């Protein structure tokens, strides 16, 4: 992928152009996502933290236990598939 910027109505590469590209070759250009707004990220983070704080401790423990059980079963299955004890 070659990065480029639009300057004075013309696309100007920021990176080196690959030698395999031919003069007159058609290119497809996509716009990059605009940078995230730090304020929006902070607000989203606070919202997630507030939502997580509403989950009872017992639910956290049950989730972590289920996750550990899943990991254990996955490891056992891989060992069986590989013929390991």
N, C-alpha and C. Protein backbone atom coordinates (compact mmCIF):
# COMPACT_ATOMS: atom_id res chain seq x y z
N UNK A 1 0.84 -1.17 0.00
CA UNK A 1 0.00 0.00 0.00
C UNK A 1 0.89 1.24 0.00
N UNK A 2 0.53 2.16 -0.79
CA UNK A 2 1.25 3.43 -0.87
C UNK A 2 0.36 4.51 -0.27
N UNK A 3 0.90 5.25 0.67
CA UNK A 3 0.14 6.36 1.24
C UNK A 3 0.34 7.60 0.37
N UNK A 4 -0.71 8.42 0.29
CA UNK A 4 -0.64 9.66 -0.48
C UNK A 4 -1.53 10.70 0.18
N UNK A 5 -1.33 11.95 -0.21
CA UNK A 5 -2.16 13.04 0.30
C UNK A 5 -2.68 13.83 -0.89
N UNK A 6 -3.81 14.50 -0.66
CA UNK A 6 -4.37 15.37 -1.68
C UNK A 6 -3.87 16.78 -1.39
N UNK A 7 -3.16 17.36 -2.35
CA UNK A 7 -2.59 18.69 -2.15
C UNK A 7 -2.84 19.52 -3.41
N UNK A 8 -3.55 20.62 -3.22
CA UNK A 8 -3.88 21.52 -4.34
C UNK A 8 -4.54 20.76 -5.49
N UNK A 9 -5.45 19.85 -5.14
CA UNK A 9 -6.22 19.13 -6.15
C UNK A 9 -5.49 17.96 -6.80
N UNK A 10 -4.28 17.64 -6.37
CA UNK A 10 -3.53 16.54 -6.96
C UNK A 10 -3.13 15.54 -5.88
N UNK A 11 -3.14 14.27 -6.27
CA UNK A 11 -2.72 13.22 -5.35
C UNK A 11 -1.21 13.12 -5.40
N UNK A 12 -0.58 13.27 -4.23
CA UNK A 12 0.88 13.20 -4.15
C UNK A 12 1.28 12.07 -3.21
N UNK A 13 2.08 11.12 -3.71
CA UNK A 13 2.51 10.01 -2.87
C UNK A 13 3.37 10.49 -1.70
N UNK A 14 3.19 9.85 -0.57
CA UNK A 14 4.01 10.11 0.61
C UNK A 14 5.10 9.03 0.66
N UNK A 15 4.75 7.82 0.22
CA UNK A 15 5.68 6.69 0.20
C UNK A 15 6.26 6.52 -1.20
N UNK A 16 7.32 5.71 -1.27
CA UNK A 16 7.92 5.41 -2.58
C UNK A 16 6.95 4.60 -3.42
N UNK A 17 6.94 4.88 -4.70
CA UNK A 17 6.09 4.14 -5.63
C UNK A 17 6.80 2.85 -6.01
N UNK A 18 6.11 1.69 -5.93
CA UNK A 18 6.74 0.42 -6.28
C UNK A 18 7.24 0.40 -7.73
N UNK A 19 8.36 -0.23 -7.94
CA UNK A 19 8.94 -0.31 -9.29
C UNK A 19 8.06 -1.10 -10.24
N UNK A 20 7.20 -1.94 -9.69
CA UNK A 20 6.33 -2.78 -10.53
C UNK A 20 5.16 -2.01 -11.13
N UNK A 21 4.92 -0.80 -10.62
CA UNK A 21 3.84 0.01 -11.18
C UNK A 21 4.30 0.56 -12.52
N UNK A 22 3.36 0.57 -13.49
CA UNK A 22 3.67 1.04 -14.84
C UNK A 22 3.08 2.43 -15.07
N UNK A 23 3.75 3.21 -15.86
CA UNK A 23 3.26 4.55 -16.21
C UNK A 23 1.90 4.41 -16.88
N UNK A 24 0.93 5.18 -16.42
CA UNK A 24 -0.42 5.15 -16.98
C UNK A 24 -1.30 4.06 -16.38
N UNK A 25 -0.74 3.28 -15.48
CA UNK A 25 -1.52 2.22 -14.84
C UNK A 25 -2.63 2.82 -14.00
N UNK A 26 -3.82 2.22 -14.07
CA UNK A 26 -4.94 2.70 -13.27
C UNK A 26 -4.75 2.26 -11.82
N UNK A 27 -5.04 3.16 -10.90
CA UNK A 27 -4.91 2.88 -9.47
C UNK A 27 -6.25 3.12 -8.80
N UNK A 28 -6.50 2.42 -7.72
CA UNK A 28 -7.70 2.63 -6.92
C UNK A 28 -7.27 3.31 -5.63
N UNK A 29 -7.88 4.44 -5.33
CA UNK A 29 -7.51 5.22 -4.15
C UNK A 29 -8.69 5.22 -3.19
N UNK A 30 -8.41 4.91 -1.92
CA UNK A 30 -9.43 4.94 -0.89
C UNK A 30 -9.03 5.97 0.16
N UNK A 31 -10.02 6.62 0.73
CA UNK A 31 -9.70 7.59 1.78
C UNK A 31 -9.44 6.87 3.09
N UNK A 32 -8.55 7.42 3.87
CA UNK A 32 -8.26 6.88 5.19
C UNK A 32 -9.30 7.37 6.17
N UNK A 33 -9.50 6.59 7.23
CA UNK A 33 -10.43 7.02 8.28
C UNK A 33 -9.85 8.26 8.95
N UNK A 34 -10.70 9.23 9.25
CA UNK A 34 -10.20 10.41 9.96
C UNK A 34 -9.75 10.01 11.36
N UNK A 35 -8.78 10.71 11.91
CA UNK A 35 -8.33 10.36 13.26
C UNK A 35 -9.47 10.49 14.27
N UNK A 36 -9.45 9.62 15.26
CA UNK A 36 -10.50 9.63 16.28
C UNK A 36 -10.37 10.87 17.15
N UNK A 37 -11.52 11.38 17.57
CA UNK A 37 -11.56 12.54 18.46
C UNK A 37 -11.25 12.07 19.88
N UNK A 38 -10.18 12.59 20.49
CA UNK A 38 -9.82 12.16 21.85
C UNK A 38 -10.96 12.32 22.85
N UNK A 39 -11.78 13.36 22.69
CA UNK A 39 -12.91 13.57 23.59
C UNK A 39 -13.93 12.45 23.47
N UNK A 40 -14.18 12.00 22.23
CA UNK A 40 -15.13 10.90 22.02
C UNK A 40 -14.59 9.60 22.61
N UNK A 41 -13.29 9.38 22.48
CA UNK A 41 -12.67 8.17 23.04
C UNK A 41 -12.78 8.19 24.56
N UNK A 42 -12.51 9.32 25.18
CA UNK A 42 -12.61 9.43 26.63
C UNK A 42 -14.03 9.21 27.10
N UNK A 43 -15.00 9.76 26.39
CA UNK A 43 -16.41 9.58 26.76
C UNK A 43 -16.81 8.11 26.63
N UNK A 44 -16.38 7.46 25.56
CA UNK A 44 -16.67 6.04 25.36
C UNK A 44 -16.05 5.22 26.49
N UNK A 45 -14.83 5.55 26.87
CA UNK A 45 -14.14 4.82 27.93
C UNK A 45 -14.89 4.96 29.26
N UNK A 46 -15.32 6.17 29.56
CA UNK A 46 -16.09 6.39 30.80
C UNK A 46 -17.39 5.59 30.77
N UNK A 47 -18.06 5.58 29.61
CA UNK A 47 -19.31 4.84 29.48
C UNK A 47 -19.10 3.34 29.73
N UNK A 48 -18.02 2.78 29.17
CA UNK A 48 -17.72 1.37 29.36
C UNK A 48 -17.39 1.08 30.82
N UNK A 49 -16.59 1.95 31.44
CA UNK A 49 -16.24 1.76 32.86
C UNK A 49 -17.48 1.82 33.74
N UNK A 50 -18.39 2.75 33.46
CA UNK A 50 -19.62 2.86 34.24
C UNK A 50 -20.50 1.62 34.07
N UNK A 51 -20.58 1.13 32.83
CA UNK A 51 -21.38 -0.07 32.58
C UNK A 51 -20.76 -1.27 33.30
N UNK A 52 -19.44 -1.40 33.25
CA UNK A 52 -18.77 -2.52 33.91
C UNK A 52 -18.96 -2.46 35.42
N UNK A 53 -19.00 -1.26 35.97
CA UNK A 53 -19.17 -1.10 37.42
C UNK A 53 -20.55 -1.58 37.87
N UNK A 54 -21.52 -1.65 36.96
CA UNK A 54 -22.87 -2.09 37.29
C UNK A 54 -22.99 -3.62 37.36
N UNK A 55 -21.97 -4.33 36.86
CA UNK A 55 -22.02 -5.80 36.85
C UNK A 55 -21.64 -6.30 38.24
N UNK A 56 -22.46 -7.13 38.84
CA UNK A 56 -22.15 -7.65 40.18
C UNK A 56 -20.86 -8.48 40.19
N UNK A 57 -20.16 -8.47 41.32
CA UNK A 57 -18.91 -9.21 41.45
C UNK A 57 -19.09 -10.69 41.14
N UNK A 58 -20.23 -11.25 41.56
CA UNK A 58 -20.48 -12.67 41.30
C UNK A 58 -20.50 -12.97 39.80
N UNK A 59 -21.05 -12.05 39.02
CA UNK A 59 -21.06 -12.23 37.55
C UNK A 59 -19.64 -12.23 37.00
N UNK A 60 -18.80 -11.35 37.51
CA UNK A 60 -17.40 -11.32 37.08
C UNK A 60 -16.74 -12.67 37.39
N UNK A 61 -16.95 -13.18 38.60
CA UNK A 61 -16.34 -14.46 38.99
C UNK A 61 -16.84 -15.60 38.10
N UNK A 62 -18.15 -15.62 37.84
CA UNK A 62 -18.71 -16.68 36.98
C UNK A 62 -18.14 -16.60 35.57
N UNK A 63 -18.01 -15.39 35.04
CA UNK A 63 -17.44 -15.22 33.70
C UNK A 63 -16.00 -15.70 33.65
N UNK A 64 -15.19 -15.28 34.63
CA UNK A 64 -13.78 -15.68 34.64
C UNK A 64 -13.64 -17.19 34.80
N UNK A 65 -14.50 -17.81 35.61
CA UNK A 65 -14.45 -19.27 35.77
C UNK A 65 -14.82 -19.96 34.46
N UNK A 66 -15.84 -19.46 33.77
CA UNK A 66 -16.24 -20.04 32.49
C UNK A 66 -15.14 -19.88 31.45
N UNK A 67 -14.49 -18.73 31.44
CA UNK A 67 -13.39 -18.48 30.51
C UNK A 67 -12.23 -19.45 30.78
N UNK A 68 -11.89 -19.65 32.04
CA UNK A 68 -10.82 -20.57 32.39
C UNK A 68 -11.18 -22.01 31.99
N UNK A 69 -12.43 -22.40 32.21
CA UNK A 69 -12.88 -23.73 31.81
C UNK A 69 -12.77 -23.91 30.30
N UNK A 70 -13.16 -22.90 29.55
CA UNK A 70 -13.06 -22.95 28.09
C UNK A 70 -11.59 -23.12 27.66
N UNK A 71 -10.69 -22.36 28.26
CA UNK A 71 -9.27 -22.47 27.93
C UNK A 71 -8.75 -23.88 28.22
N UNK A 72 -9.13 -24.41 29.39
CA UNK A 72 -8.68 -25.75 29.77
C UNK A 72 -9.17 -26.79 28.76
N UNK A 73 -10.45 -26.71 28.38
CA UNK A 73 -11.01 -27.66 27.42
C UNK A 73 -10.35 -27.52 26.05
N UNK A 74 -10.06 -26.29 25.64
CA UNK A 74 -9.41 -26.07 24.35
C UNK A 74 -8.01 -26.68 24.33
N UNK A 75 -7.28 -26.51 25.44
CA UNK A 75 -5.93 -27.09 25.53
C UNK A 75 -6.01 -28.61 25.48
N UNK A 76 -6.96 -29.19 26.21
CA UNK A 76 -7.12 -30.64 26.21
C UNK A 76 -7.44 -31.15 24.81
N UNK A 77 -8.29 -30.44 24.10
CA UNK A 77 -8.66 -30.87 22.75
C UNK A 77 -7.45 -30.83 21.82
N UNK A 78 -6.65 -29.79 21.91
CA UNK A 78 -5.46 -29.68 21.05
C UNK A 78 -4.49 -30.81 21.39
N UNK A 79 -4.32 -31.09 22.66
CA UNK A 79 -3.43 -32.19 23.07
C UNK A 79 -3.92 -33.51 22.48
N UNK A 80 -5.23 -33.76 22.56
CA UNK A 80 -5.78 -35.00 21.98
C UNK A 80 -5.52 -35.06 20.49
N UNK A 81 -5.76 -33.94 19.80
CA UNK A 81 -5.59 -33.91 18.35
C UNK A 81 -4.12 -34.13 17.96
N UNK A 82 -3.20 -33.69 18.81
CA UNK A 82 -1.77 -33.86 18.52
C UNK A 82 -1.23 -35.18 19.06
N UNK A 83 -2.08 -35.95 19.74
CA UNK A 83 -1.65 -37.23 20.28
C UNK A 83 -0.76 -37.11 21.50
N UNK A 84 -0.89 -36.00 22.23
CA UNK A 84 -0.09 -35.79 23.43
C UNK A 84 -0.85 -36.30 24.66
N UNK A 85 -0.11 -36.66 25.72
CA UNK A 85 -0.79 -37.13 26.93
C UNK A 85 -1.50 -35.99 27.65
